[in-house]
Structure formats: C-alpha cells, structure tokens
Amino acid sequence: MDHNERQKRLRLLIKKHNKQRKRQSKKIDILCNDLIAAQREFIRRLDRIRFTANFYEAIVGASDFGGLFCTAAGLIKDEIPDANVAFFLRQSGGSPGGGDSFELHMFESNEPISLGKERPENCVSGELVEHICQSNKVCTLEDLFAMGLEGDLVGLNKLSVATIPMGQLGQSFGFILIYRSNEDKLRSGEINNVAAVAPGLSRAIRSCREFSQCCD
C-alpha cells in the first residue's frame, strides 16, 4: 500500500469518526434537553401540588363566604403577585339561563394598578357572566371582548386578564377574575395553579351555600 492510499484511508477514517462523534453529540444534546424539560415539568408539578395542598388546608372547614373568599383571594394573590382578584357567582346557583343576577366578591392588590375610567370587574354585565359561565373554560381578555365585554379599551388593554371557571359536574356557577399590569403578563403556570384549586374552591362554595340555607 503506497503513501497516497494510506493517506486516503486515514482521511476516510477521520471523516467517519467525525460523523459518528457529531451524531453522538446530537443524541447527547437531545437527551440533556429532554432531561432538563422533564426536570422543569417535575418542578412545575411539585409547585402545583404545594399550592393546591396549602390552598385546600387553608379553606377546609370554611362556613361563610366572607372568610372563604378572603382566604382564597389572599392565597391566590400570594401565588400571583400584584394581581387583583374577583369572584363572580351566579345567584341562581349555577343553573344555565338562571338570569342576569350575580354576586361579586372583589379583592385588590397591595400594589395599586393604574387603571382608566373603568375597572374590569365593573365592566362585567350579567349577560357576560352567563357567557363566561357557559364557555366553562379559561378566558383571556380577547375572549371576553368577543363575548361582549365593553369598557375603556385603552385602559383594559393595559391589563393582562384571565377568568377561571368554578363549578361541578361540568356546569359552571361562576368564575375567578384575575388581572394585573400588562407589563407583567399572567403566566400560564400561575393560571394553571389557580385552575387546579378551582374544583376544591367550588365544593367549598357549595358547602357554604348549603350551610347558609340550613341556617336561614
């Protein structure tokens, strides 16, 4: 075998080795990215479990709306800093077409939000409450506008807004309205954490209503 042939074979071996090394490096990168993503998801789930456990522990045994909503709002505001929280309930108890009447329980952030002439909770009509409840899903500000939300568009567009349904057996009897400055948009993890405790809060609301009716 002459010198040129040896050089050619050597170059082929080096080229083959480099290809194998690149493939191996790509596989390692994919594996590392998958591990990092799995770890982040695990941390998110642990955080959700922590919040849910603390939330349920705090509201267990609540027998009046005032204490229940005050506690729930405080926990949500701890989870979502600088947010305003409001609870909307159908007075009909959750039956579709129950009318335009609703209850509003409102809690402000410790850090006042600069608003226009109207606040989001003041722009919600009974008809809009029905539309939100019937949608039975997490709604954004864009969704609310599509459902008929009216108000100071300039002021409202400066906010990051979400509604989270409350209900049982597939029927929504109300929702949680959360908003804060658009400079610090509500994150999906924050909304998902609150959505995770909505079923337990819904059961507590039902219990408070039943307790109140028994005492009347």
Protein backbone atom coordinates (compact mmCIF):
# COMPACT_ATOMS: atom_id res chain seq x y z
CA MET A 1 0.00 0.00 0.00
CA ASP A 2 1.57 3.26 -1.07
CA HIS A 3 1.62 6.53 0.88
CA ASN A 4 -1.28 8.14 -1.02
CA GLU A 5 -3.53 5.17 -0.39
CA ARG A 6 -2.74 5.23 3.31
CA GLN A 7 -3.50 8.96 3.46
CA LYS A 8 -6.80 8.43 1.68
CA ARG A 9 -7.85 5.69 4.10
CA LEU A 10 -6.80 7.79 7.05
CA ARG A 11 -8.92 10.71 5.82
CA LEU A 12 -11.90 8.40 5.38
CA LEU A 13 -11.48 7.04 8.90
CA ILE A 14 -11.22 10.53 10.34
CA LYS A 15 -14.30 11.64 8.37
CA LYS A 16 -16.25 8.60 9.57
CA HIS A 17 -15.16 9.20 13.15
CA ASN A 18 -16.21 12.87 12.98
CA LYS A 19 -19.65 11.91 11.66
CA GLN A 20 -20.10 9.39 14.45
CA ARG A 21 -18.96 11.95 17.02
CA LYS A 22 -21.42 14.54 15.69
CA ARG A 23 -24.28 12.02 15.78
CA GLN A 24 -23.35 11.06 19.32
CA SER A 25 -23.10 14.70 20.34
CA LYS A 26 -26.55 15.40 18.87
CA LYS A 27 -28.04 12.44 20.75
CA ILE A 28 -26.47 13.69 23.99
CA ASP A 29 -27.86 17.19 23.39
CA ILE A 30 -31.34 15.79 22.78
CA LEU A 31 -31.11 13.62 25.90
CA CYS A 32 -29.91 16.57 28.00
CA ASN A 33 -32.70 18.81 26.69
CA ASP A 34 -35.26 16.10 27.44
CA LEU A 35 -33.89 15.71 30.96
CA ILE A 36 -33.98 19.48 31.53
CA ALA A 37 -37.56 19.70 30.20
CA ALA A 38 -38.61 16.76 32.38
CA GLN A 39 -37.00 18.35 35.41
CA ARG A 40 -38.76 21.67 34.76
CA GLU A 41 -42.10 19.90 34.36
CA PHE A 42 -41.45 17.96 37.58
CA ILE A 43 -40.72 21.21 39.43
CA ARG A 44 -43.90 22.78 38.00
CA ARG A 45 -45.94 19.81 39.18
CA LEU A 46 -44.39 19.95 42.64
CA ASP A 47 -45.14 23.67 42.80
CA ARG A 48 -48.76 22.99 41.79
CA ILE A 49 -49.07 20.25 44.42
CA ARG A 50 -47.61 22.58 47.05
CA PHE A 51 -50.02 25.39 46.19
CA THR A 52 -53.00 23.04 45.99
CA ALA A 53 -52.21 21.41 49.34
CA ASN A 54 -51.73 24.77 51.08
CA PHE A 55 -54.90 26.15 49.49
CA TYR A 56 -57.10 23.22 50.49
CA GLU A 57 -55.66 23.16 54.00
CA ALA A 58 -56.47 26.87 54.40
CA ILE A 59 -60.08 26.74 53.19
CA VAL A 60 -61.13 23.44 54.76
CA GLY A 61 -63.97 23.90 57.20
CA ALA A 62 -64.90 27.39 55.94
CA SER A 63 -68.59 28.00 56.60
CA ASP A 64 -69.11 31.61 55.50
CA PHE A 65 -68.50 33.36 52.20
CA GLY A 66 -66.61 36.28 53.73
CA GLY A 67 -63.92 34.14 55.32
CA LEU A 68 -63.77 31.71 52.41
CA PHE A 69 -63.26 34.34 49.72
CA CYS A 70 -60.88 36.42 51.84
CA THR A 71 -58.68 33.38 52.44
CA ALA A 72 -58.86 32.21 48.83
CA ALA A 73 -58.05 35.67 47.48
CA GLY A 74 -55.07 36.01 49.82
CA LEU A 75 -53.63 32.69 48.71
CA ILE A 76 -54.15 33.49 45.03
CA LYS A 77 -52.50 36.90 45.43
CA ASP A 78 -49.56 35.27 47.18
CA GLU A 79 -49.25 32.93 44.19
CA ILE A 80 -49.75 35.72 41.62
CA PRO A 81 -48.03 38.86 42.96
CA ASP A 82 -49.56 42.29 42.29
CA ALA A 83 -52.79 40.79 40.97
CA ASN A 84 -56.35 41.86 41.63
CA VAL A 85 -58.82 39.04 42.27
CA ALA A 86 -62.62 38.97 41.98
CA PHE A 87 -65.10 36.12 42.35
CA PHE A 88 -68.29 36.12 40.28
CA LEU A 89 -71.13 33.77 41.25
CA ARG A 90 -74.47 33.14 39.63
CA GLN A 91 -77.10 33.80 42.27
CA SER A 92 -79.17 31.08 40.67
CA GLY A 93 -76.71 28.50 42.00
CA GLY A 94 -75.30 27.55 38.66
CA SER A 95 -78.27 26.53 36.52
CA PRO A 96 -77.97 27.68 32.89
CA GLY A 97 -80.31 30.51 31.97
CA GLY A 98 -80.72 31.41 35.61
CA GLY A 99 -80.91 35.15 34.92
CA ASP A 100 -78.64 38.17 34.89
CA SER A 101 -78.15 38.45 38.67
CA PHE A 102 -74.78 37.60 40.15
CA GLU A 103 -72.67 38.10 43.25
CA LEU A 104 -69.31 39.87 43.13
CA HIS A 105 -66.59 39.47 45.76
CA MET A 106 -63.60 41.70 44.99
CA PHE A 107 -60.08 41.90 46.44
CA GLU A 108 -57.43 44.42 45.36
CA SER A 109 -53.69 44.00 45.08
CA ASN A 110 -51.42 45.59 47.68
CA GLU A 111 -49.76 47.37 44.76
CA PRO A 112 -52.43 49.59 43.13
CA ILE A 113 -52.79 49.12 39.39
CA SER A 114 -53.06 52.28 37.30
CA LEU A 115 -56.42 51.94 35.56
CA GLY A 116 -58.52 54.02 33.22
CA LYS A 117 -62.04 55.14 33.98
CA GLU A 118 -63.36 51.61 34.42
CA ARG A 119 -62.11 48.52 36.19
CA PRO A 120 -62.54 45.11 34.55
CA GLU A 121 -64.91 43.83 37.24
CA ASN A 122 -67.12 46.91 36.76
CA CYS A 123 -67.40 46.19 33.02
CA VAL A 124 -68.86 42.71 33.54
CA SER A 125 -72.60 42.57 32.94
CA GLY A 126 -74.98 39.82 33.94
CA GLU A 127 -75.15 38.72 30.31
CA LEU A 128 -71.37 38.49 30.12
CA VAL A 129 -71.29 36.45 33.34
CA GLU A 130 -73.66 33.98 31.65
CA HIS A 131 -71.49 33.79 28.53
CA ILE A 132 -68.32 33.20 30.58
CA CYS A 133 -70.02 30.53 32.69
CA GLN A 134 -71.43 28.80 29.62
CA SER A 135 -67.99 28.71 27.99
CA ASN A 136 -66.72 26.84 31.09
CA LYS A 137 -63.08 27.45 30.17
CA VAL A 138 -60.19 29.76 30.99
CA CYS A 139 -60.84 33.01 29.08
CA THR A 140 -58.41 35.75 28.08
CA LEU A 141 -59.17 39.44 27.59
CA GLU A 142 -59.58 38.77 23.86
CA ASP A 143 -62.16 36.07 24.65
CA LEU A 144 -64.06 38.49 26.90
CA PHE A 145 -64.15 41.17 24.20
CA ALA A 146 -65.51 38.55 21.78
CA MET A 147 -68.23 37.69 24.33
CA GLY A 148 -69.31 41.32 24.64
CA LEU A 149 -67.06 42.96 27.24
CA GLU A 150 -67.42 46.74 26.93
CA GLY A 151 -65.45 49.45 28.63
CA ASP A 152 -62.41 51.68 28.42
CA LEU A 153 -60.47 49.86 25.69
CA VAL A 154 -57.29 51.85 26.28
CA GLY A 155 -57.32 51.08 29.99
CA LEU A 156 -58.34 47.43 29.65
CA ASN A 157 -55.68 46.73 27.02
CA LYS A 158 -53.05 47.76 29.57
CA LEU A 159 -54.00 44.73 31.65
CA SER A 160 -53.30 41.01 31.50
CA VAL A 161 -56.63 39.33 32.29
CA ALA A 162 -57.88 35.78 32.80
CA THR A 163 -61.08 34.19 34.05
CA ILE A 164 -61.04 30.69 35.56
CA PRO A 165 -64.30 28.71 35.79
CA MET A 166 -65.75 27.39 39.01
CA GLY A 167 -68.34 24.65 39.03
CA GLN A 168 -69.14 20.97 39.42
CA LEU A 169 -70.31 18.12 37.20
CA GLY A 170 -69.46 20.04 34.03
CA GLN A 171 -71.60 23.07 34.95
CA SER A 172 -70.03 26.41 35.82
CA PHE A 173 -71.74 28.51 38.51
CA GLY A 174 -69.14 31.27 38.50
CA PHE A 175 -65.55 32.20 37.80
CA ILE A 176 -62.44 33.81 39.22
CA LEU A 177 -61.32 37.04 37.53
CA ILE A 178 -57.59 37.75 37.85
CA TYR A 179 -55.72 40.67 36.34
CA ARG A 180 -52.57 42.72 36.67
CA SER A 181 -50.48 45.12 34.59
CA ASN A 182 -49.70 44.00 31.04
CA GLU A 183 -46.06 44.83 31.79
CA ASP A 184 -46.03 41.63 33.86
CA LYS A 185 -48.34 39.31 31.93
CA LEU A 186 -50.07 36.49 33.72
CA ARG A 187 -48.07 33.34 33.13
CA SER A 188 -49.62 30.03 32.13
CA GLY A 189 -48.13 28.33 35.21
CA GLU A 190 -49.83 30.85 37.51
CA ILE A 191 -53.19 30.43 35.78
CA ASN A 192 -52.86 26.62 35.77
CA ASN A 193 -52.10 26.62 39.51
CA VAL A 194 -55.28 28.56 40.25
CA ALA A 195 -57.26 26.37 37.85
CA ALA A 196 -56.02 23.34 39.81
CA VAL A 197 -57.66 24.58 43.03
CA ALA A 198 -60.89 25.78 41.39
CA PRO A 199 -62.67 22.40 41.87
CA GLY A 200 -61.93 22.38 45.60
CA LEU A 201 -62.97 26.02 45.94
CA SER A 202 -66.17 25.21 44.05
CA ARG A 203 -67.02 22.45 46.53
CA ALA A 204 -66.32 24.81 49.43
CA ILE A 205 -68.64 27.43 47.90
CA ARG A 206 -71.38 24.82 47.52
CA SER A 207 -70.92 23.79 51.16
CA CYS A 208 -71.12 27.41 52.31
CA ARG A 209 -74.34 27.90 50.33
CA GLU A 210 -75.89 24.76 51.77
CA PHE A 211 -74.81 25.73 55.30
CA SER A 212 -76.24 29.22 54.82
CA GLN A 213 -79.55 27.84 53.54
CA CYS A 214 -79.80 25.48 56.52
CA CYS A 215 -79.26 28.38 58.91
CA ASP A 216 -81.87 30.62 57.25
